[in-house]
C-alpha atoms as a PDB file:
ATOM      1  CA  MET A   1       0.095   0.081   0.036  1.00  0.00           C
ATOM      2  CA  SER A   2       1.362   3.479  -1.034  1.00  0.00           C
ATOM      3  CA  GLU A   3       1.706   6.316   1.410  1.00  0.00           C
ATOM      4  CA  SER A   4      -1.125   8.119  -0.078  1.00  0.00           C
ATOM      5  CA  GLU A   5      -3.487   5.210   0.127  1.00  0.00           C
ATOM      6  CA  GLN A   6      -2.557   4.894   3.771  1.00  0.00           C
ATOM      7  CA  ASN A   7      -3.654   8.567   4.352  1.00  0.00           C
ATOM      8  CA  LEU A   8      -6.869   8.160   2.678  1.00  0.00           C
ATOM      9  CA  ILE A   9      -9.961   7.206   4.710  1.00  0.00           C
ATOM     10  CA  GLY A  10     -13.590   6.886   3.914  1.00  0.00           C
ATOM     11  CA  ILE A  11     -16.293   7.768   6.483  1.00  0.00           C
ATOM     12  CA  ARG A  12     -20.005   6.696   5.645  1.00  0.00           C
ATOM     13  CA  LEU A  13     -23.348   7.725   6.968  1.00  0.00           C
ATOM     14  CA  ALA A  14     -26.487   5.841   5.529  1.00  0.00           C
ATOM     15  CA  ASN A  15     -25.831   5.892   1.683  1.00  0.00           C
ATOM     16  CA  ARG A  16     -23.428   8.832   1.419  1.00  0.00           C
ATOM     17  CA  HIS A  17     -19.442   8.699   2.291  1.00  0.00           C
ATOM     18  CA  VAL A  18     -16.929  11.194   2.430  1.00  0.00           C
ATOM     19  CA  ALA A  19     -13.210  10.832   1.583  1.00  0.00           C
ATOM     20  CA  VAL A  20     -10.544  12.253   3.763  1.00  0.00           C
ATOM     21  CA  GLN A  21      -7.077  12.773   2.577  1.00  0.00           C
ATOM     22  CA  ALA A  22      -4.246  13.708   4.542  1.00  0.00           C
ATOM     23  CA  ASP A  23      -0.480  14.349   4.011  1.00  0.00           C
ATOM     24  CA  CYS A  24       0.600  12.820   7.459  1.00  0.00           C
ATOM     25  CA  ARG A  25      -0.943  10.163   9.786  1.00  0.00           C
ATOM     26  CA  ALA A  26      -2.241  11.977  12.570  1.00  0.00           C
ATOM     27  CA  PRO A  27      -5.302  13.139  11.117  1.00  0.00           C
ATOM     28  CA  ILE A  28      -6.230   9.468   9.710  1.00  0.00           C
ATOM     29  CA  GLU A  29      -5.358   8.157  13.222  1.00  0.00           C
ATOM     30  CA  ALA A  30      -7.848  10.533  14.957  1.00  0.00           C
ATOM     31  CA  LEU A  31     -10.460   9.594  12.462  1.00  0.00           C
ATOM     32  CA  GLN A  32     -10.041   5.969  12.811  1.00  0.00           C
ATOM     33  CA  THR A  33     -10.720   6.453  16.625  1.00  0.00           C
ATOM     34  CA  LEU A  34     -13.342   8.940  16.243  1.00  0.00           C
ATOM     35  CA  PHE A  35     -15.467   7.130  13.685  1.00  0.00           C
ATOM     36  CA  ALA A  36     -14.562   3.377  14.009  1.00  0.00           C
ATOM     37  CA  GLY A  37     -18.278   2.329  13.300  1.00  0.00           C
ATOM     38  CA  HIS A  38     -18.425   4.202  10.227  1.00  0.00           C
ATOM     39  CA  LEU A  39     -15.245   3.434   8.344  1.00  0.00           C
ATOM     40  CA  CYS A  40     -15.645   2.176   4.429  1.00  0.00           C
ATOM     41  CA  PRO A  41     -13.760   1.816   1.668  1.00  0.00           C
ATOM     42  CA  VAL A  42     -12.937   4.879  -0.672  1.00  0.00           C
ATOM     43  CA  GLY A  43     -14.210   4.782  -4.046  1.00  0.00           C
ATOM     44  CA  GLY A  44     -15.110   6.971  -7.093  1.00  0.00           C
ATOM     45  CA  SER A  45     -18.434   7.495  -5.508  1.00  0.00           C
ATOM     46  CA  ALA A  46     -17.477   9.781  -2.667  1.00  0.00           C
ATOM     47  CA  ALA A  47     -19.908  12.396  -2.286  1.00  0.00           C
ATOM     48  CA  HIS A  48     -17.340  14.929  -0.981  1.00  0.00           C
ATOM     49  CA  GLN A  49     -13.676  15.147  -0.321  1.00  0.00           C
ATOM     50  CA  ILE A  50     -11.849  16.662   2.481  1.00  0.00           C
ATOM     51  CA  ARG A  51      -8.073  17.503   2.264  1.00  0.00           C
ATOM     52  CA  VAL A  52      -5.639  17.766   5.458  1.00  0.00           C
ATOM     53  CA  HIS A  53      -2.439  19.542   4.980  1.00  0.00           C
ATOM     54  CA  ARG A  54       0.105  19.629   7.735  1.00  0.00           C
ATOM     55  CA  GLU A  55       1.891  23.223   8.015  1.00  0.00           C
ATOM     56  CA  PRO A  56       4.304  24.772  10.308  1.00  0.00           C
ATOM     57  CA  GLY A  57       2.368  25.293  13.641  1.00  0.00           C
ATOM     58  CA  GLY A  58      -0.749  23.433  12.873  1.00  0.00           C
ATOM     59  CA  TYR A  59      -3.116  21.985  10.075  1.00  0.00           C
ATOM     60  CA  ARG A  60      -4.934  23.493   7.148  1.00  0.00           C
ATOM     61  CA  ILE A  61      -8.441  21.737   5.918  1.00  0.00           C
ATOM     62  CA  GLU A  62     -10.040  21.959   2.599  1.00  0.00           C
ATOM     63  CA  GLY A  63     -13.322  21.126   1.948  1.00  0.00           C
ATOM     64  CA  GLY A  64     -14.462  21.282   5.513  1.00  0.00           C
ATOM     65  CA  GLY A  65     -16.844  24.344   5.023  1.00  0.00           C
ATOM     66  CA  PRO A  66     -16.513  28.053   4.531  1.00  0.00           C
ATOM     67  CA  SER A  67     -16.111  28.737   8.515  1.00  0.00           C
ATOM     68  CA  MET A  68     -13.340  26.139   8.955  1.00  0.00           C
ATOM     69  CA  PRO A  69     -10.136  27.526  10.466  1.00  0.00           C
ATOM     70  CA  GLN A  70      -7.461  27.360   8.454  1.00  0.00           C
ATOM     71  CA  VAL A  71      -4.402  26.781  10.776  1.00  0.00           C
ATOM     72  CA  LEU A  72      -5.011  24.576  13.705  1.00  0.00           C
ATOM     73  CA  ASP A  73      -2.810  23.382  16.533  1.00  0.00           C
ATOM     74  CA  GLU A  74      -2.651  19.485  17.563  1.00  0.00           C
ATOM     75  CA  ALA A  75      -5.121  19.911  20.375  1.00  0.00           C
ATOM     76  CA  GLN A  76      -7.731  21.579  18.348  1.00  0.00           C
ATOM     77  CA  LEU A  77      -7.295  18.613  15.488  1.00  0.00           C
ATOM     78  CA  PRO A  78      -9.994  15.886  16.583  1.00  0.00           C
ATOM     79  CA  HIS A  79     -12.963  18.576  17.215  1.00  0.00           C
ATOM     80  CA  VAL A  80     -12.496  20.365  14.140  1.00  0.00           C
ATOM     81  CA  LEU A  81     -11.982  17.413  11.964  1.00  0.00           C
ATOM     82  CA  CYS A  82     -15.625  16.269  13.481  1.00  0.00           C
ATOM     83  CA  GLN A  83     -16.782  19.615  12.285  1.00  0.00           C
ATOM     84  CA  ALA A  84     -15.465  19.298   8.945  1.00  0.00           C
ATOM     85  CA  LEU A  85     -16.970  15.800   8.383  1.00  0.00           C
ATOM     86  CA  LEU A  86     -20.554  17.427   9.365  1.00  0.00           C
ATOM     87  CA  HIS A  87     -20.230  19.736   6.577  1.00  0.00           C
ATOM     88  CA  GLY A  88     -18.991  17.127   4.201  1.00  0.00           C
ATOM     89  CA  LEU A  89     -21.781  14.396   4.952  1.00  0.00           C
ATOM     90  CA  SER A  90     -24.776  17.125   4.894  1.00  0.00           C
ATOM     91  CA  ASN A  91     -23.383  19.131   2.105  1.00  0.00           C
ATOM     92  CA  GLY A  92     -25.109  18.454  -1.256  1.00  0.00           C
ATOM     93  CA  GLU A  93     -27.247  15.452   0.571  1.00  0.00           C
ATOM     94  CA  ASP A  94     -30.933  15.312  -1.240  1.00  0.00           C
ATOM     95  CA  GLN A  95     -32.183  12.110  -0.323  1.00  0.00           C
ATOM     96  CA  HIS A  96     -32.102  12.506   3.507  1.00  0.00           C
ATOM     97  CA  LEU A  97     -33.052  14.804   6.236  1.00  0.00           C
ATOM     98  CA  MET A  98     -29.821  15.917   7.965  1.00  0.00           C
ATOM     99  CA  LEU A  99     -30.428  17.086  11.302  1.00  0.00           C
ATOM    100  CA  HIS A 100     -28.070  18.586  13.837  1.00  0.00           C
ATOM    101  CA  ALA A 101     -29.470  16.627  16.815  1.00  0.00           C
ATOM    102  CA  ALA A 102     -28.712  13.560  19.143  1.00  0.00           C
ATOM    103  CA  ALA A 103     -30.497  10.158  18.765  1.00  0.00           C
ATOM    104  CA  LEU A 104     -30.615   7.139  20.701  1.00  0.00           C
ATOM    105  CA  ALA A 105     -32.662   4.014  20.824  1.00  0.00           C
ATOM    106  CA  ARG A 106     -34.266   1.303  23.082  1.00  0.00           C
ATOM    107  CA  GLY A 107     -35.022  -1.874  21.301  1.00  0.00           C
ATOM    108  CA  GLU A 108     -36.198  -0.774  17.936  1.00  0.00           C
ATOM    109  CA  GLN A 109     -37.549   2.516  19.394  1.00  0.00           C
ATOM    110  CA  GLY A 110     -35.852   5.566  18.052  1.00  0.00           C
ATOM    111  CA  ILE A 111     -35.559   8.874  20.201  1.00  0.00           C
ATOM    112  CA  LEU A 112     -34.702  11.890  18.479  1.00  0.00           C
ATOM    113  CA  MET A 113     -33.323  15.065  20.507  1.00  0.00           C
ATOM    114  CA  ALA A 114     -33.145  18.430  18.978  1.00  0.00           C
ATOM    115  CA  ALA A 115     -32.229  21.577  20.872  1.00  0.00           C
ATOM    116  CA  ARG A 116     -29.850  24.519  20.447  1.00  0.00           C
ATOM    117  CA  SER A 117     -26.198  24.249  22.074  1.00  0.00           C
ATOM    118  CA  GLY A 118     -26.516  24.523  25.718  1.00  0.00           C
ATOM    119  CA  SER A 119     -29.854  22.682  26.180  1.00  0.00           C
ATOM    120  CA  GLY A 120     -28.128  19.425  27.675  1.00  0.00           C
ATOM    121  CA  LYS A 121     -28.641  17.028  24.462  1.00  0.00           C
ATOM    122  CA  THR A 122     -24.956  15.468  25.348  1.00  0.00           C
ATOM    123  CA  THR A 123     -25.622  15.379  29.288  1.00  0.00           C
ATOM    124  CA  LEU A 124     -29.143  13.799  28.488  1.00  0.00           C
ATOM    125  CA  SER A 125     -27.519  11.184  26.130  1.00  0.00           C
ATOM    126  CA  ALA A 126     -24.803  10.087  28.557  1.00  0.00           C
ATOM    127  CA  TRP A 127     -27.611   9.621  31.357  1.00  0.00           C
ATOM    128  CA  MET A 128     -29.496   7.584  28.659  1.00  0.00           C
ATOM    129  CA  ILE A 129     -26.457   5.440  27.664  1.00  0.00           C
ATOM    130  CA  GLU A 130     -25.899   4.667  31.769  1.00  0.00           C
ATOM    131  CA  HIS A 131     -29.713   3.382  31.406  1.00  0.00           C
ATOM    132  CA  GLY A 132     -29.197   1.127  28.661  1.00  0.00           C
ATOM    133  CA  TYR A 133     -29.923   3.151  25.680  1.00  0.00           C
ATOM    134  CA  ARG A 134     -28.234   2.714  22.573  1.00  0.00           C
ATOM    135  CA  PHE A 135     -26.145   5.438  21.304  1.00  0.00           C
ATOM    136  CA  LEU A 136     -26.597   6.497  17.727  1.00  0.00           C
ATOM    137  CA  THR A 137     -25.217  10.156  18.002  1.00  0.00           C
ATOM    138  CA  ASP A 138     -25.085  13.279  19.608  1.00  0.00           C
ATOM    139  CA  GLU A 139     -24.456  15.429  16.702  1.00  0.00           C
ATOM    140  CA  LEU A 140     -25.838  14.365  13.180  1.00  0.00           C
ATOM    141  CA  VAL A 141     -28.761  12.247  12.297  1.00  0.00           C
ATOM    142  CA  ALA A 142     -29.707  11.078   8.749  1.00  0.00           C
ATOM    143  CA  VAL A 143     -33.572  10.537   8.437  1.00  0.00           C
ATOM    144  CA  ASP A 144     -34.614   8.397   5.488  1.00  0.00           C
ATOM    145  CA  ASP A 145     -38.091   8.387   3.888  1.00  0.00           C
ATOM    146  CA  ARG A 146     -39.126   5.637   6.178  1.00  0.00           C
ATOM    147  CA  GLY A 147     -38.493   7.655   9.362  1.00  0.00           C
ATOM    148  CA  MET A 148     -35.321   5.417  10.087  1.00  0.00           C
ATOM    149  CA  LEU A 149     -32.636   7.514  12.220  1.00  0.00           C
ATOM    150  CA  HIS A 150     -29.170   6.766  11.015  1.00  0.00           C
ATOM    151  CA  GLY A 151     -26.805   8.310  13.602  1.00  0.00           C
ATOM    152  CA  LEU A 152     -23.084   9.461  13.070  1.00  0.00           C
ATOM    153  CA  ALA A 153     -21.960   7.545  16.241  1.00  0.00           C
ATOM    154  CA  ARG A 154     -18.752   9.740  16.991  1.00  0.00           C
ATOM    155  CA  PRO A 155     -17.537   9.954  20.545  1.00  0.00           C
ATOM    156  CA  LEU A 156     -19.842  12.111  22.967  1.00  0.00           C
ATOM    157  CA  ASN A 157     -18.706  16.017  22.945  1.00  0.00           C
ATOM    158  CA  LEU A 158     -18.368  16.698  26.481  1.00  0.00           C
ATOM    159  CA  LYS A 159     -17.771  20.326  27.352  1.00  0.00           C
ATOM    160  CA  GLN A 160     -16.380  21.635  30.666  1.00  0.00           C
ATOM    161  CA  ARG A 161     -19.437  23.267  32.011  1.00  0.00           C
ATOM    162  CA  GLY A 162     -21.561  19.947  31.544  1.00  0.00           C
ATOM    163  CA  ALA A 163     -18.704  17.793  33.522  1.00  0.00           C
ATOM    164  CA  SER A 164     -20.450  18.058  36.923  1.00  0.00           C
ATOM    165  CA  ALA A 165     -23.540  16.503  35.470  1.00  0.00           C
ATOM    166  CA  VAL A 166     -22.323  13.376  34.204  1.00  0.00           C
ATOM    167  CA  GLN A 167     -19.888  12.490  37.178  1.00  0.00           C
ATOM    168  CA  GLY A 168     -20.233   9.057  38.665  1.00  0.00           C
ATOM    169  CA  LEU A 169     -21.715   7.585  35.671  1.00  0.00           C
ATOM    170  CA  GLY A 170     -20.318   4.086  35.245  1.00  0.00           C
ATOM    171  CA  TRP A 171     -19.756   3.634  31.421  1.00  0.00           C
ATOM    172  CA  LEU A 172     -18.101   7.352  31.424  1.00  0.00           C
ATOM    173  CA  GLU A 173     -15.533   6.324  34.023  1.00  0.00           C
ATOM    174  CA  ARG A 174     -14.891   3.225  32.209  1.00  0.00           C
ATOM    175  CA  GLN A 175     -14.383   4.981  28.874  1.00  0.00           C
ATOM    176  CA  MET A 176     -12.264   7.928  30.231  1.00  0.00           C
ATOM    177  CA  PRO A 177      -8.833   6.353  29.436  1.00  0.00           C
ATOM    178  CA  GLN A 178      -9.954   6.367  25.819  1.00  0.00           C
ATOM    179  CA  ALA A 179     -11.065   9.964  25.743  1.00  0.00           C
ATOM    180  CA  LEU A 180      -9.573  12.299  23.529  1.00  0.00           C
ATOM    181  CA  ARG A 181      -8.742  15.821  24.572  1.00  0.00           C
ATOM    182  CA  SER A 182      -9.574  18.697  22.121  1.00  0.00           C
ATOM    183  CA  GLY A 183      -9.032  22.089  23.590  1.00  0.00           C
ATOM    184  CA  PRO A 184     -11.818  22.689  26.059  1.00  0.00           C
ATOM    185  CA  ILE A 185     -13.854  19.683  24.763  1.00  0.00           C
ATOM    186  CA  THR A 186     -13.367  15.902  25.611  1.00  0.00           C
ATOM    187  CA  LEU A 187     -14.646  13.474  23.056  1.00  0.00           C
ATOM    188  CA  LEU A 188     -15.302  10.281  24.804  1.00  0.00           C
ATOM    189  CA  PRO A 189     -15.856   7.044  22.856  1.00  0.00           C
ATOM    190  CA  CYS A 190     -18.990   5.092  23.928  1.00  0.00           C
ATOM    191  CA  GLU A 191     -19.046   1.355  24.821  1.00  0.00           C
ATOM    192  CA  ASP A 192     -20.139  -1.060  22.097  1.00  0.00           C
ATOM    193  CA  THR A 193     -21.310   1.442  19.529  1.00  0.00           C
ATOM    194  CA  GLU A 194     -23.548  -0.119  16.879  1.00  0.00           C
ATOM    195  CA  PRO A 195     -24.401   2.420  14.162  1.00  0.00           C
ATOM    196  CA  THR A 196     -27.722   0.454  13.560  1.00  0.00           C
ATOM    197  CA  PRO A 197     -30.726   2.691  12.652  1.00  0.00           C
ATOM    198  CA  ALA A 198     -33.829   2.830  14.537  1.00  0.00           C
ATOM    199  CA  LEU A 199     -37.492   3.954  13.721  1.00  0.00           C
ATOM    200  CA  ALA A 200     -38.393   7.317  15.024  1.00  0.00           C
ATOM    201  CA  THR A 201     -41.008   6.814  17.748  1.00  0.00           C
ATOM    202  CA  LEU A 202     -40.370   9.917  19.920  1.00  0.00           C
ATOM    203  CA  MET A 203     -39.003  13.539  19.525  1.00  0.00           C
ATOM    204  CA  LEU A 204     -37.531  15.432  22.417  1.00  0.00           C
ATOM    205  CA  PHE A 205     -36.979  19.200  22.536  1.00  0.00           C
ATOM    206  CA  PRO A 206     -35.327  19.397  25.837  1.00  0.00           C
ATOM    207  CA  ARG A 207     -34.512  22.654  27.826  1.00  0.00           C
ATOM    208  CA  PHE A 208     -32.551  22.831  30.980  1.00  0.00           C
ATOM    209  CA  VAL A 209     -34.310  25.184  33.276  1.00  0.00           C
ATOM    210  CA  GLY A 210     -32.763  24.589  36.804  1.00  0.00           C
ATOM    211  CA  GLY A 211     -34.280  24.553  40.336  1.00  0.00           C
ATOM    212  CA  ASP A 212     -36.483  21.381  40.625  1.00  0.00           C
ATOM    213  CA  GLU A 213     -38.685  22.071  37.484  1.00  0.00           C
ATOM    214  CA  PHE A 214     -39.925  19.284  35.465  1.00  0.00           C
ATOM    215  CA  THR A 215     -42.566  19.776  32.871  1.00  0.00           C
ATOM    216  CA  VAL A 216     -43.459  17.639  29.696  1.00  0.00           C
ATOM    217  CA  GLU A 217     -45.702  19.315  26.890  1.00  0.00           C
ATOM    218  CA  PRO A 218     -46.990  17.516  23.899  1.00  0.00           C
ATOM    219  CA  MET A 219     -46.494  19.317  20.721  1.00  0.00           C
ATOM    220  CA  SER A 220     -48.465  19.270  17.610  1.00  0.00           C
ATOM    221  CA  PRO A 221     -46.914  18.054  14.287  1.00  0.00           C
ATOM    222  CA  ALA A 222     -46.793  21.439  12.849  1.00  0.00           C
ATOM    223  CA  ARG A 223     -44.892  22.920  15.708  1.00  0.00           C
ATOM    224  CA  CYS A 224     -42.463  20.061  15.824  1.00  0.00           C
ATOM    225  CA  ALA A 225     -41.831  20.702  12.148  1.00  0.00           C
ATOM    226  CA  VAL A 226     -41.344  24.334  12.404  1.00  0.00           C
ATOM    227  CA  ALA A 227     -38.877  23.565  15.475  1.00  0.00           C
ATOM    228  CA  LEU A 228     -36.867  21.022  13.356  1.00  0.00           C
ATOM    229  CA  THR A 229     -36.038  23.630  10.737  1.00  0.00           C
ATOM    230  CA  ALA A 230     -33.572  25.132  13.012  1.00  0.00           C
ATOM    231  CA  THR A 231     -31.728  21.886  13.038  1.00  0.00           C
ATOM    232  CA  LEU A 232     -32.205  21.001   9.136  1.00  0.00           C
ATOM    233  CA  LEU A 233     -28.623  21.210   7.552  1.00  0.00           C
ATOM    234  CA  ASN A 234     -29.722  20.515   4.128  1.00  0.00           C
ATOM    235  CA  ALA A 235     -32.915  22.306   3.615  1.00  0.00           C
ATOM    236  CA  ARG A 236     -31.525  24.069   0.339  1.00  0.00           C
ATOM    237  CA  ASN A 237     -31.110  20.675  -1.235  1.00  0.00           C
ATOM    238  CA  LEU A 238     -34.573  19.508  -0.482  1.00  0.00           C
ATOM    239  CA  PRO A 239     -38.519  20.248  -2.225  1.00  0.00           C
ATOM    240  CA  ARG A 240     -39.719  23.088  -0.328  1.00  0.00           C
ATOM    241  CA  ARG A 241     -36.741  23.195   1.946  1.00  0.00           C
ATOM    242  CA  GLY A 242     -37.718  19.986   3.451  1.00  0.00           C
ATOM    243  CA  LEU A 243     -40.832  21.216   5.103  1.00  0.00           C
ATOM    244  CA  PRO A 244     -43.050  18.178   3.933  1.00  0.00           C
ATOM    245  CA  ARG A 245     -40.633  15.564   4.923  1.00  0.00           C
ATOM    246  CA  LEU A 246     -40.288  17.175   8.535  1.00  0.00           C
ATOM    247  CA  LEU A 247     -43.982  16.955   8.715  1.00  0.00           C
ATOM    248  CA  ASP A 248     -44.125  13.493   7.945  1.00  0.00           C
ATOM    249  CA  LEU A 249     -41.615  12.751  10.639  1.00  0.00           C
ATOM    250  CA  ALA A 250     -43.280  14.763  13.128  1.00  0.00           C
ATOM    251  CA  ARG A 251     -46.606  12.770  12.590  1.00  0.00           C
ATOM    252  CA  GLN A 252     -44.762   9.580  12.908  1.00  0.00           C
ATOM    253  CA  ALA A 253     -43.073  10.278  16.226  1.00  0.00           C
ATOM    254  CA  GLN A 254     -44.872  12.054  18.945  1.00  0.00           C
ATOM    255  CA  GLY A 255     -42.868  15.363  19.915  1.00  0.00           C
ATOM    256  CA  TYR A 256     -42.558  16.565  23.471  1.00  0.00           C
ATOM    257  CA  ALA A 257     -40.881  20.077  24.887  1.00  0.00           C
ATOM    258  CA  VAL A 258     -39.264  18.661  28.052  1.00  0.00           C
ATOM    259  CA  PHE A 259     -38.225  21.252  30.743  1.00  0.00           C
ATOM    260  CA  TYR A 260     -36.246  19.515  33.212  1.00  0.00           C
ATOM    261  CA  SER A 261     -33.433  20.470  36.100  1.00  0.00           C
ATOM    262  CA  HIS A 262     -31.923  17.081  36.483  1.00  0.00           C
ATOM    263  CA  PRO A 263     -31.307  14.429  33.769  1.00  0.00           C
ATOM    264  CA  SER A 264     -32.980  11.577  36.173  1.00  0.00           C
ATOM    265  CA  GLN A 265     -36.367  13.252  35.779  1.00  0.00           C
ATOM    266  CA  VAL A 266     -36.338  12.735  32.052  1.00  0.00           C
ATOM    267  CA  ILE A 267     -35.082   9.227  32.180  1.00  0.00           C
ATOM    268  CA  GLY A 268     -37.946   8.265  34.557  1.00  0.00           C
ATOM    269  CA  TRP A 269     -40.689  10.043  32.209  1.00  0.00           C
ATOM    270  CA  LEU A 270     -38.990   8.355  29.313  1.00  0.00           C
ATOM    271  CA  ALA A 271     -39.017   4.706  30.417  1.00  0.00           C
ATOM    272  CA  ASP A 272     -42.663   5.219  31.319  1.00  0.00           C
ATOM    273  CA  GLU A 273     -43.617   6.782  27.951  1.00  0.00           C
ATOM    274  CA  LEU A 274     -41.826   4.024  25.984  1.00  0.00           C
ATOM    275  CA  ALA A 275     -43.560   1.382  28.187  1.00  0.00           C
ATOM    276  CA  ARG A 276     -46.905   2.946  27.445  1.00  0.00           C
ATOM    277  CA  ARG A 277     -46.240   3.032  23.846  1.00  0.00           C
ATOM    278  CA  GLY A 278     -45.098  -0.586  23.652  1.00  0.00           C
ATOM    279  CA  GLN A 279     -48.443  -1.505  25.167  1.00  0.00           C
ATOM    280  CA  GLU A 280     -50.294   0.100  22.452  1.00  0.00           C
END
């Protein structure tokens, strides 16, 4: 195998794959660790190509999006590679809804969590993993026309401000030796990640409110679809900017606005809700 082939890797999500080529090994090794469940052969069918160049003092990334930093230090590399892949996988995609959201599954039931940054998606994901949910992603979900959730199962993106909320979780402490530090962010691989899609059953729009408040409000399909437009990364590639597809998804999976002060409140309610739906 030539050096150029050794420094070339493919990352797949649903039916789309991105090729990443580098002029050194460090970016390729980072991607092999970050996306072990999504590696694929690189062929002529790659939908997008990203190139990583080693330069004095850092790296330069081509094809990672218009806001991609031009010079990176070693500590930033894993996190910025993740952002470049999000752009590569969603840019130009016209078959799936590409949502900036989290997704987990219990059996065949998929749970989509869509909310703005700082709402606690990653913290809730960490708690759900602790209670037996299968991790799909905390970053990018591809939704096909059957409502199946395909997650980009990268490591959890733990920020410093959320560290106290996940302290003491057993799976997290077991995985911490495999964590990658990327500036102020810790990228934590999940145990036994299986990027197997799940049928969308529930949609949660969580919001951390503090105190001891816990409120769950059912949302209409129209309200859910409007809320999801803020997370849709490839709207410009879809008919009518994807709104009909979002409405179909919202009619399939009941949506709830969830206001919580501790993740354990959501875990308890979610277990009851999924059990009730399993009995219907």
